N, C-alpha and C. Protein backbone atom coordinates (compact mmCIF):
# COMPACT_ATOMS: atom_id res chain seq x y z
N UNK A 1 0.85 -1.18 0.00
CA UNK A 1 0.00 0.00 0.00
C UNK A 1 0.89 1.23 0.00
N UNK A 2 0.55 2.24 -0.80
CA UNK A 2 1.33 3.48 -0.89
C UNK A 2 1.24 4.24 0.42
N UNK A 3 2.23 5.13 0.62
CA UNK A 3 2.34 5.84 1.90
C UNK A 3 1.15 6.76 2.15
N UNK A 4 0.55 7.32 1.11
CA UNK A 4 -0.53 8.29 1.33
C UNK A 4 -1.92 7.65 1.21
N UNK A 5 -1.99 6.34 0.96
CA UNK A 5 -3.28 5.67 0.92
C UNK A 5 -3.71 5.32 2.33
N UNK A 6 -5.02 5.32 2.52
CA UNK A 6 -5.53 4.98 3.85
C UNK A 6 -6.42 3.75 3.75
N UNK A 7 -6.38 2.94 4.79
CA UNK A 7 -7.24 1.77 4.80
C UNK A 7 -8.59 2.14 5.42
N UNK A 8 -9.53 1.21 5.38
CA UNK A 8 -10.88 1.49 5.86
C UNK A 8 -10.91 1.84 7.35
N UNK A 9 -10.09 1.18 8.14
CA UNK A 9 -10.06 1.46 9.58
C UNK A 9 -9.57 2.88 9.84
N UNK A 10 -8.55 3.30 9.11
CA UNK A 10 -8.01 4.65 9.29
C UNK A 10 -9.05 5.69 8.84
N UNK A 11 -9.75 5.40 7.75
CA UNK A 11 -10.80 6.32 7.29
C UNK A 11 -11.87 6.47 8.35
N UNK A 12 -12.28 5.35 8.95
CA UNK A 12 -13.31 5.41 9.98
C UNK A 12 -12.80 6.16 11.21
N UNK A 13 -11.52 5.98 11.57
CA UNK A 13 -10.94 6.75 12.68
C UNK A 13 -11.02 8.24 12.40
N UNK A 14 -10.71 8.62 11.16
CA UNK A 14 -10.76 10.04 10.78
C UNK A 14 -12.18 10.56 10.83
N UNK A 15 -13.12 9.78 10.35
CA UNK A 15 -14.52 10.20 10.39
C UNK A 15 -14.97 10.35 11.83
N UNK A 16 -14.54 9.44 12.71
CA UNK A 16 -14.90 9.54 14.13
C UNK A 16 -14.34 10.80 14.77
N UNK A 17 -13.12 11.17 14.39
CA UNK A 17 -12.54 12.41 14.92
C UNK A 17 -13.37 13.60 14.46
N UNK A 18 -13.74 13.60 13.18
CA UNK A 18 -14.57 14.69 12.65
C UNK A 18 -15.92 14.70 13.36
N UNK A 19 -16.50 13.54 13.61
CA UNK A 19 -17.78 13.47 14.33
C UNK A 19 -17.67 14.16 15.69
N UNK A 20 -16.62 13.84 16.43
CA UNK A 20 -16.42 14.47 17.74
C UNK A 20 -16.30 15.98 17.60
N UNK A 21 -15.61 16.42 16.57
CA UNK A 21 -15.43 17.86 16.36
C UNK A 21 -16.76 18.52 15.98
N UNK A 22 -17.57 17.85 15.16
CA UNK A 22 -18.88 18.40 14.80
C UNK A 22 -19.79 18.47 16.02
N UNK A 23 -19.75 17.43 16.87
CA UNK A 23 -20.56 17.44 18.08
C UNK A 23 -20.11 18.55 19.04
N UNK A 24 -18.84 18.92 18.95
CA UNK A 24 -18.31 20.01 19.78
C UNK A 24 -18.49 21.36 19.09
N UNK A 25 -19.25 21.38 17.99
CA UNK A 25 -19.61 22.61 17.26
C UNK A 25 -18.43 23.27 16.55
N UNK A 26 -17.44 22.47 16.13
CA UNK A 26 -16.35 23.02 15.32
C UNK A 26 -16.89 23.36 13.94
N UNK A 27 -16.43 24.49 13.40
CA UNK A 27 -16.76 24.85 12.02
C UNK A 27 -15.74 24.22 11.08
N UNK A 28 -16.07 24.20 9.79
CA UNK A 28 -15.19 23.60 8.79
C UNK A 28 -13.79 24.18 8.87
N UNK A 29 -13.68 25.50 8.96
CA UNK A 29 -12.37 26.15 8.99
C UNK A 29 -11.56 25.71 10.22
N UNK A 30 -12.24 25.49 11.34
CA UNK A 30 -11.55 25.04 12.55
C UNK A 30 -11.08 23.59 12.41
N UNK A 31 -11.90 22.78 11.76
CA UNK A 31 -11.52 21.38 11.54
C UNK A 31 -10.28 21.32 10.64
N UNK A 32 -10.30 22.09 9.58
CA UNK A 32 -9.15 22.11 8.66
C UNK A 32 -7.90 22.61 9.38
N UNK A 33 -8.05 23.65 10.16
CA UNK A 33 -6.91 24.20 10.91
C UNK A 33 -6.34 23.15 11.87
N UNK A 34 -7.21 22.42 12.57
CA UNK A 34 -6.78 21.38 13.50
C UNK A 34 -5.99 20.30 12.78
N UNK A 35 -6.51 19.83 11.65
CA UNK A 35 -5.87 18.74 10.92
C UNK A 35 -4.53 19.20 10.34
N UNK A 36 -4.50 20.41 9.78
CA UNK A 36 -3.25 20.92 9.21
C UNK A 36 -2.20 21.10 10.31
N UNK A 37 -2.62 21.57 11.50
CA UNK A 37 -1.68 21.74 12.61
C UNK A 37 -1.15 20.38 13.07
N UNK A 38 -2.03 19.37 13.09
CA UNK A 38 -1.62 18.02 13.47
C UNK A 38 -0.54 17.52 12.52
N UNK A 39 -0.72 17.76 11.23
CA UNK A 39 0.27 17.35 10.23
C UNK A 39 1.58 18.12 10.41
N UNK A 40 1.49 19.42 10.68
CA UNK A 40 2.68 20.25 10.88
C UNK A 40 3.45 19.78 12.12
N UNK A 41 2.73 19.48 13.20
CA UNK A 41 3.38 19.00 14.41
C UNK A 41 4.14 17.71 14.15
N UNK A 42 3.56 16.83 13.32
CA UNK A 42 4.21 15.57 12.99
C UNK A 42 5.50 15.82 12.21
N UNK A 43 5.46 16.76 11.27
CA UNK A 43 6.67 17.05 10.49
C UNK A 43 7.78 17.62 11.37
N UNK A 44 7.41 18.50 12.30
CA UNK A 44 8.41 19.07 13.22
C UNK A 44 9.03 17.97 14.07
N UNK A 45 8.18 17.09 14.61
CA UNK A 45 8.65 15.98 15.44
C UNK A 45 9.59 15.08 14.66
N UNK A 46 9.22 14.77 13.41
CA UNK A 46 10.03 13.89 12.57
C UNK A 46 11.40 14.52 12.28
N UNK A 47 11.41 15.81 11.95
CA UNK A 47 12.69 16.47 11.65
C UNK A 47 13.57 16.58 12.90
N UNK A 48 12.94 16.79 14.07
CA UNK A 48 13.71 16.83 15.31
C UNK A 48 14.37 15.49 15.60
N UNK A 49 13.64 14.41 15.32
CA UNK A 49 14.19 13.07 15.53
C UNK A 49 15.38 12.83 14.59
N UNK A 50 15.24 13.26 13.35
CA UNK A 50 16.33 13.09 12.38
C UNK A 50 17.54 13.93 12.76
N UNK A 51 17.28 15.15 13.22
CA UNK A 51 18.37 16.05 13.62
C UNK A 51 19.09 15.52 14.84
N UNK A 52 18.36 15.01 15.81
CA UNK A 52 18.95 14.54 17.07
C UNK A 52 19.38 13.07 17.00
N UNK A 53 19.25 12.46 15.85
CA UNK A 53 19.61 11.06 15.67
C UNK A 53 18.88 10.16 16.66
N UNK A 54 17.62 10.48 16.89
CA UNK A 54 16.81 9.65 17.79
C UNK A 54 15.81 8.85 16.95
N UNK A 55 15.24 7.87 17.57
CA UNK A 55 14.28 7.02 16.87
C UNK A 55 12.99 7.78 16.63
N UNK A 56 12.55 7.71 15.39
CA UNK A 56 11.30 8.37 15.02
C UNK A 56 10.14 7.41 15.24
N UNK A 57 9.23 7.78 16.12
CA UNK A 57 8.02 7.00 16.36
C UNK A 57 6.86 7.83 15.84
N UNK A 58 6.15 7.32 14.82
CA UNK A 58 5.08 8.12 14.21
C UNK A 58 4.00 8.50 15.22
N UNK A 59 3.53 9.71 15.11
CA UNK A 59 2.41 10.17 15.92
C UNK A 59 1.16 9.45 15.45
N UNK A 60 0.15 9.38 16.28
CA UNK A 60 -1.08 8.69 15.94
C UNK A 60 -1.86 9.47 14.90
N UNK A 61 -2.26 8.82 13.85
CA UNK A 61 -3.18 9.31 12.84
C UNK A 61 -2.78 10.64 12.20
N UNK A 62 -1.65 10.65 11.53
CA UNK A 62 -1.26 11.82 10.75
C UNK A 62 -2.03 11.76 9.45
N UNK A 63 -2.64 12.87 9.04
CA UNK A 63 -3.55 12.84 7.92
C UNK A 63 -2.85 13.07 6.58
N UNK A 64 -2.07 14.14 6.49
CA UNK A 64 -1.36 14.48 5.26
C UNK A 64 -2.32 14.49 4.06
N UNK A 65 -3.39 15.28 4.17
CA UNK A 65 -4.40 15.37 3.13
C UNK A 65 -4.69 16.83 2.79
N UNK A 66 -5.29 17.05 1.63
CA UNK A 66 -5.66 18.41 1.25
C UNK A 66 -7.08 18.73 1.73
N UNK A 67 -7.51 19.96 1.50
CA UNK A 67 -8.82 20.39 2.00
C UNK A 67 -9.96 19.60 1.36
N UNK A 68 -9.80 19.21 0.12
CA UNK A 68 -10.85 18.44 -0.55
C UNK A 68 -11.08 17.11 0.16
N UNK A 69 -10.01 16.47 0.58
CA UNK A 69 -10.13 15.21 1.31
C UNK A 69 -10.78 15.44 2.68
N UNK A 70 -10.42 16.55 3.31
CA UNK A 70 -11.03 16.88 4.60
C UNK A 70 -12.53 17.09 4.42
N UNK A 71 -12.92 17.77 3.32
CA UNK A 71 -14.34 17.96 3.03
C UNK A 71 -15.05 16.62 2.85
N UNK A 72 -14.36 15.66 2.24
CA UNK A 72 -14.93 14.31 2.09
C UNK A 72 -15.20 13.71 3.47
N UNK A 73 -14.25 13.83 4.38
CA UNK A 73 -14.43 13.27 5.73
C UNK A 73 -15.55 13.98 6.48
N UNK A 74 -15.64 15.30 6.30
CA UNK A 74 -16.72 16.07 6.94
C UNK A 74 -18.07 15.60 6.40
N UNK A 75 -18.17 15.45 5.08
CA UNK A 75 -19.43 14.99 4.47
C UNK A 75 -19.79 13.58 4.94
N UNK A 76 -18.79 12.71 5.03
CA UNK A 76 -19.04 11.34 5.50
C UNK A 76 -19.53 11.35 6.95
N UNK A 77 -18.95 12.21 7.78
CA UNK A 77 -19.36 12.30 9.18
C UNK A 77 -20.79 12.82 9.28
N UNK A 78 -21.12 13.83 8.49
CA UNK A 78 -22.48 14.38 8.51
C UNK A 78 -23.49 13.34 8.02
N UNK A 79 -23.09 12.54 7.05
CA UNK A 79 -23.98 11.48 6.56
C UNK A 79 -24.23 10.45 7.65
N UNK A 80 -23.19 10.11 8.42
CA UNK A 80 -23.37 9.17 9.54
C UNK A 80 -24.34 9.74 10.58
N UNK A 81 -24.22 11.04 10.84
CA UNK A 81 -25.13 11.68 11.81
C UNK A 81 -26.56 11.58 11.30
N UNK A 82 -26.78 11.95 10.03
CA UNK A 82 -28.12 11.89 9.46
C UNK A 82 -28.69 10.48 9.49
N UNK A 83 -27.86 9.51 9.12
CA UNK A 83 -28.30 8.11 9.11
C UNK A 83 -28.67 7.65 10.51
N UNK A 84 -27.84 7.99 11.48
CA UNK A 84 -28.09 7.58 12.86
C UNK A 84 -29.43 8.15 13.35
N UNK A 85 -29.62 9.46 13.17
CA UNK A 85 -30.83 10.08 13.69
C UNK A 85 -32.08 9.63 12.94
N UNK A 86 -31.95 9.38 11.65
CA UNK A 86 -33.09 8.87 10.89
C UNK A 86 -33.46 7.47 11.37
N UNK A 87 -32.47 6.65 11.62
CA UNK A 87 -32.70 5.26 12.05
C UNK A 87 -33.25 5.20 13.47
N UNK A 88 -32.84 6.13 14.33
CA UNK A 88 -33.18 6.06 15.75
C UNK A 88 -34.11 7.18 16.22
N UNK A 89 -34.81 7.85 15.30
CA UNK A 89 -35.59 9.02 15.72
C UNK A 89 -36.70 8.66 16.70
N UNK A 90 -37.32 7.49 16.54
CA UNK A 90 -38.37 7.10 17.49
C UNK A 90 -37.79 6.86 18.88
N UNK A 91 -36.64 6.21 18.94
CA UNK A 91 -35.98 5.96 20.22
C UNK A 91 -35.57 7.28 20.87
N UNK A 92 -35.04 8.19 20.07
CA UNK A 92 -34.62 9.49 20.60
C UNK A 92 -35.82 10.26 21.13
N UNK A 93 -36.93 10.24 20.38
CA UNK A 93 -38.15 10.92 20.84
C UNK A 93 -38.65 10.31 22.14
N UNK A 94 -38.73 8.98 22.19
CA UNK A 94 -39.22 8.31 23.39
C UNK A 94 -38.32 8.56 24.59
N UNK A 95 -37.01 8.56 24.36
CA UNK A 95 -36.07 8.85 25.45
C UNK A 95 -36.25 10.28 25.95
N UNK A 96 -36.44 11.20 25.03
CA UNK A 96 -36.65 12.60 25.41
C UNK A 96 -37.93 12.75 26.23
N UNK A 97 -38.97 12.09 25.80
CA UNK A 97 -40.24 12.14 26.54
C UNK A 97 -40.06 11.56 27.94
N UNK A 98 -39.37 10.44 28.05
CA UNK A 98 -39.14 9.82 29.36
C UNK A 98 -38.33 10.75 30.27
N UNK A 99 -37.33 11.39 29.71
CA UNK A 99 -36.52 12.33 30.51
C UNK A 99 -37.35 13.52 30.97
N UNK A 100 -38.19 14.03 30.08
CA UNK A 100 -39.05 15.16 30.46
C UNK A 100 -40.06 14.74 31.53
N UNK A 101 -40.60 13.54 31.39
CA UNK A 101 -41.52 13.04 32.44
C UNK A 101 -40.82 12.94 33.79
N UNK A 102 -39.60 12.44 33.77
CA UNK A 102 -38.82 12.33 35.01
C UNK A 102 -38.55 13.72 35.59
N UNK A 103 -38.20 14.66 34.73
CA UNK A 103 -37.96 16.03 35.20
C UNK A 103 -39.23 16.64 35.76
N UNK A 104 -40.36 16.36 35.11
CA UNK A 104 -41.64 16.87 35.60
C UNK A 104 -41.92 16.35 37.00
N UNK A 105 -41.74 15.04 37.21
CA UNK A 105 -41.98 14.45 38.53
C UNK A 105 -41.12 15.11 39.59
N UNK A 106 -39.83 15.32 39.28
CA UNK A 106 -38.93 15.94 40.25
C UNK A 106 -39.32 17.39 40.52
N UNK A 107 -39.69 18.12 39.45
CA UNK A 107 -40.08 19.52 39.62
C UNK A 107 -41.36 19.63 40.43
N UNK A 108 -42.33 18.78 40.12
CA UNK A 108 -43.62 18.85 40.82
C UNK A 108 -43.48 18.43 42.28
N UNK A 109 -42.73 17.35 42.52
CA UNK A 109 -42.57 16.91 43.90
C UNK A 109 -41.73 17.90 44.70
N UNK A 110 -40.86 18.64 44.03
CA UNK A 110 -40.06 19.67 44.70
C UNK A 110 -40.76 21.01 44.75
N UNK A 111 -42.02 21.03 44.34
CA UNK A 111 -42.85 22.24 44.34
C UNK A 111 -42.28 23.36 43.46
N UNK A 112 -41.55 22.96 42.43
CA UNK A 112 -41.06 23.94 41.45
C UNK A 112 -42.07 23.95 40.29
N UNK A 113 -43.19 24.63 40.52
CA UNK A 113 -44.30 24.58 39.58
C UNK A 113 -43.99 25.30 38.27
N UNK A 114 -43.16 26.30 38.33
CA UNK A 114 -42.79 27.00 37.10
C UNK A 114 -42.04 26.05 36.16
N UNK A 115 -41.08 25.31 36.71
CA UNK A 115 -40.36 24.33 35.90
C UNK A 115 -41.30 23.23 35.42
N UNK A 116 -42.19 22.77 36.28
CA UNK A 116 -43.15 21.73 35.88
C UNK A 116 -44.01 22.21 34.72
N UNK A 117 -44.42 23.46 34.78
CA UNK A 117 -45.23 24.03 33.69
C UNK A 117 -44.42 24.09 32.39
N UNK A 118 -43.16 24.50 32.50
CA UNK A 118 -42.30 24.55 31.31
C UNK A 118 -42.08 23.17 30.71
N UNK A 119 -41.95 22.17 31.57
CA UNK A 119 -41.76 20.79 31.10
C UNK A 119 -43.01 20.32 30.37
N UNK A 120 -44.19 20.66 30.90
CA UNK A 120 -45.44 20.28 30.24
C UNK A 120 -45.51 20.93 28.86
N UNK A 121 -45.10 22.20 28.76
CA UNK A 121 -45.09 22.88 27.46
C UNK A 121 -44.16 22.16 26.48
N UNK A 122 -42.99 21.76 26.97
CA UNK A 122 -42.05 21.05 26.10
C UNK A 122 -42.62 19.71 25.65
N UNK A 123 -43.25 18.99 26.58
CA UNK A 123 -43.86 17.70 26.24
C UNK A 123 -44.95 17.87 25.18
N UNK A 124 -45.79 18.86 25.38
CA UNK A 124 -46.86 19.11 24.41
C UNK A 124 -46.27 19.46 23.06
N UNK A 125 -45.21 20.23 23.06
CA UNK A 125 -44.59 20.66 21.80
C UNK A 125 -43.94 19.51 21.05
N UNK A 126 -43.12 18.70 21.75
CA UNK A 126 -42.39 17.65 21.02
C UNK A 126 -43.30 16.50 20.60
N UNK A 127 -44.47 16.37 21.23
CA UNK A 127 -45.40 15.33 20.80
C UNK A 127 -46.35 15.84 19.73
N UNK A 128 -46.24 17.12 19.38
CA UNK A 128 -47.06 17.68 18.31
C UNK A 128 -48.49 17.97 18.74
N UNK A 129 -48.74 18.11 20.03
CA UNK A 129 -50.09 18.34 20.52
C UNK A 129 -50.39 19.80 20.82
N UNK A 130 -49.49 20.69 20.46
CA UNK A 130 -49.74 22.10 20.70
C UNK A 130 -50.62 22.67 19.59
N UNK A 131 -51.35 23.71 19.93
CA UNK A 131 -52.23 24.36 18.96
C UNK A 131 -51.38 25.10 17.93
N UNK A 132 -51.86 25.18 16.71
CA UNK A 132 -51.09 25.92 15.71
C UNK A 132 -50.98 27.39 16.11
N UNK A 133 -49.85 27.96 15.79
CA UNK A 133 -49.62 29.35 16.12
C UNK A 133 -50.40 30.24 15.16
N UNK A 134 -51.19 31.14 15.72
CA UNK A 134 -51.95 32.06 14.88
C UNK A 134 -51.08 33.29 14.62
N UNK A 135 -51.08 33.72 13.39
CA UNK A 135 -50.34 34.93 13.06
C UNK A 135 -51.15 35.74 12.07
N UNK A 136 -51.16 37.02 12.27
CA UNK A 136 -51.90 37.91 11.41
C UNK A 136 -50.90 38.80 10.68
N UNK A 137 -51.02 38.83 9.39
CA UNK A 137 -50.12 39.64 8.59
C UNK A 137 -50.82 40.95 8.26
N UNK A 138 -50.16 42.03 8.61
CA UNK A 138 -50.74 43.35 8.33
C UNK A 138 -49.70 44.22 7.67
N UNK A 139 -50.19 45.29 7.10
CA UNK A 139 -49.31 46.27 6.48
C UNK A 139 -48.83 47.27 7.51
N UNK A 140 -48.40 48.42 7.02
CA UNK A 140 -47.90 49.48 7.90
C UNK A 140 -49.00 49.96 8.84
N UNK A 141 -48.65 50.21 10.07
CA UNK A 141 -49.55 50.72 11.10
C UNK A 141 -50.77 49.82 11.32
N UNK A 142 -50.63 48.53 11.09
CA UNK A 142 -51.72 47.60 11.36
C UNK A 142 -52.80 47.58 10.30
N UNK A 143 -52.60 48.31 9.22
CA UNK A 143 -53.61 48.32 8.15
C UNK A 143 -53.47 47.07 7.30
N UNK A 144 -54.54 46.70 6.58
CA UNK A 144 -54.46 45.53 5.71
C UNK A 144 -53.41 45.71 4.61
N UNK A 145 -52.84 44.60 4.17
CA UNK A 145 -51.85 44.67 3.09
C UNK A 145 -52.48 45.15 1.78
N UNK A 146 -53.70 44.69 1.51
CA UNK A 146 -54.38 45.06 0.28
C UNK A 146 -55.75 45.59 0.62
N UNK A 147 -56.17 46.59 -0.12
CA UNK A 147 -57.53 47.08 0.05
C UNK A 147 -58.47 46.17 -0.71
N UNK A 148 -59.51 45.77 -0.06
CA UNK A 148 -60.49 44.94 -0.76
C UNK A 148 -61.67 45.82 -1.14
N UNK A 149 -62.16 45.62 -2.33
CA UNK A 149 -63.32 46.38 -2.80
C UNK A 149 -64.41 45.39 -3.15
N UNK A 150 -65.60 45.73 -2.77
CA UNK A 150 -66.74 44.89 -3.10
C UNK A 150 -67.11 45.14 -4.56
N UNK A 151 -67.31 44.05 -5.28
CA UNK A 151 -67.75 44.18 -6.66
C UNK A 151 -69.02 43.36 -6.83
N UNK A 152 -69.76 43.73 -7.80
CA UNK A 152 -71.01 43.02 -8.06
C UNK A 152 -70.71 41.74 -8.82
N UNK A 153 -71.70 40.88 -8.87
CA UNK A 153 -71.57 39.63 -9.61
C UNK A 153 -71.34 39.92 -11.09
N UNK A 154 -72.04 40.93 -11.60
CA UNK A 154 -71.90 41.30 -13.01
C UNK A 154 -70.48 41.75 -13.32
N UNK A 155 -69.87 42.55 -12.41
CA UNK A 155 -68.50 43.00 -12.61
C UNK A 155 -67.53 41.81 -12.57
N UNK A 156 -67.78 40.86 -11.67
CA UNK A 156 -66.91 39.68 -11.57
C UNK A 156 -66.98 38.86 -12.84
N UNK A 157 -68.20 38.66 -13.39
CA UNK A 157 -68.35 37.90 -14.63
C UNK A 157 -67.68 38.60 -15.80
N UNK A 158 -67.77 39.92 -15.83
CA UNK A 158 -67.11 40.70 -16.88
C UNK A 158 -65.60 40.49 -16.82
N UNK A 159 -65.04 40.52 -15.61
CA UNK A 159 -63.60 40.31 -15.44
C UNK A 159 -63.20 38.90 -15.87
N UNK A 160 -64.00 37.90 -15.51
CA UNK A 160 -63.71 36.53 -15.89
C UNK A 160 -63.78 36.34 -17.40
N UNK A 161 -64.79 36.93 -18.03
CA UNK A 161 -64.91 36.83 -19.48
C UNK A 161 -63.73 37.50 -20.17
N UNK A 162 -63.32 38.66 -19.64
CA UNK A 162 -62.18 39.37 -20.22
C UNK A 162 -60.93 38.51 -20.09
N UNK A 163 -60.74 37.91 -18.93
CA UNK A 163 -59.57 37.04 -18.72
C UNK A 163 -59.61 35.84 -19.66
N UNK A 164 -60.79 35.20 -19.78
CA UNK A 164 -60.91 34.04 -20.67
C UNK A 164 -60.63 34.41 -22.11
N UNK A 165 -61.07 35.57 -22.56
CA UNK A 165 -60.85 35.97 -23.95
C UNK A 165 -59.38 36.22 -24.22
N UNK A 166 -58.63 36.57 -23.19
CA UNK A 166 -57.19 36.83 -23.38
C UNK A 166 -56.37 35.54 -23.31
N UNK A 167 -56.85 34.53 -22.60
CA UNK A 167 -56.07 33.30 -22.46
C UNK A 167 -56.51 32.19 -23.40
N UNK A 168 -57.70 32.28 -23.94
CA UNK A 168 -58.18 31.24 -24.86
C UNK A 168 -57.80 31.64 -26.28
N UNK A 169 -57.19 30.74 -27.05
CA UNK A 169 -56.83 31.10 -28.42
C UNK A 169 -58.06 31.34 -29.27
N UNK A 170 -57.94 32.28 -30.16
CA UNK A 170 -59.05 32.61 -31.05
C UNK A 170 -59.10 31.60 -32.17
N UNK A 171 -60.12 30.73 -32.18
CA UNK A 171 -60.23 29.69 -33.20
C UNK A 171 -61.07 30.13 -34.39
N UNK A 172 -61.66 31.31 -34.33
CA UNK A 172 -62.52 31.76 -35.42
C UNK A 172 -61.73 32.07 -36.70
N UNK A 173 -60.44 32.41 -36.54
CA UNK A 173 -59.63 32.74 -37.71
C UNK A 173 -58.76 31.60 -38.17
N UNK A 174 -58.88 30.46 -37.51
CA UNK A 174 -58.05 29.29 -37.88
C UNK A 174 -58.44 28.80 -39.26
N UNK A 175 -57.48 28.59 -40.12
CA UNK A 175 -57.71 28.07 -41.47
C UNK A 175 -58.27 29.10 -42.43
N UNK A 176 -58.23 30.38 -42.12
CA UNK A 176 -58.76 31.43 -42.98
C UNK A 176 -57.78 31.86 -44.03
N UNK A 177 -56.61 31.29 -44.08
CA UNK A 177 -55.61 31.71 -45.07
C UNK A 177 -56.00 31.41 -46.43
């Protein structure tokens, strides 16, 4: 195997490192900086060993890759996250509900009614049992966005006929050439 090729186990180790970094809210630029620094540290260590005539022991998991390869590892890690949560979403929901129920019991028995009320709101929300949020859209100063005008039935029919005459092709002149 060539020096810059990686085996499946090493790829998975790299994806796991990226996973940990994503869970710790690292941004792409921070991940790249971390990996590049890790590679630079390895090069410094290797040259020091050569200079001092000491035995060179490779550092764990030196990447020696470009940004495109790092993007591949980031994408693979994000795909694993998506796959995991899609596969286990029911378990995650049920676990969350159980934890909230436990928190509710502790809050209620400890007479922390404000927390108990907040927990009930969270339970209602994550189970989808909350009422839809009503929102009213208005224009400037609370006025309606559009003025509505009452029209008669005759005016409405006239508008519809005018619209139909503009969108329907005129077949009366077909073949008159």
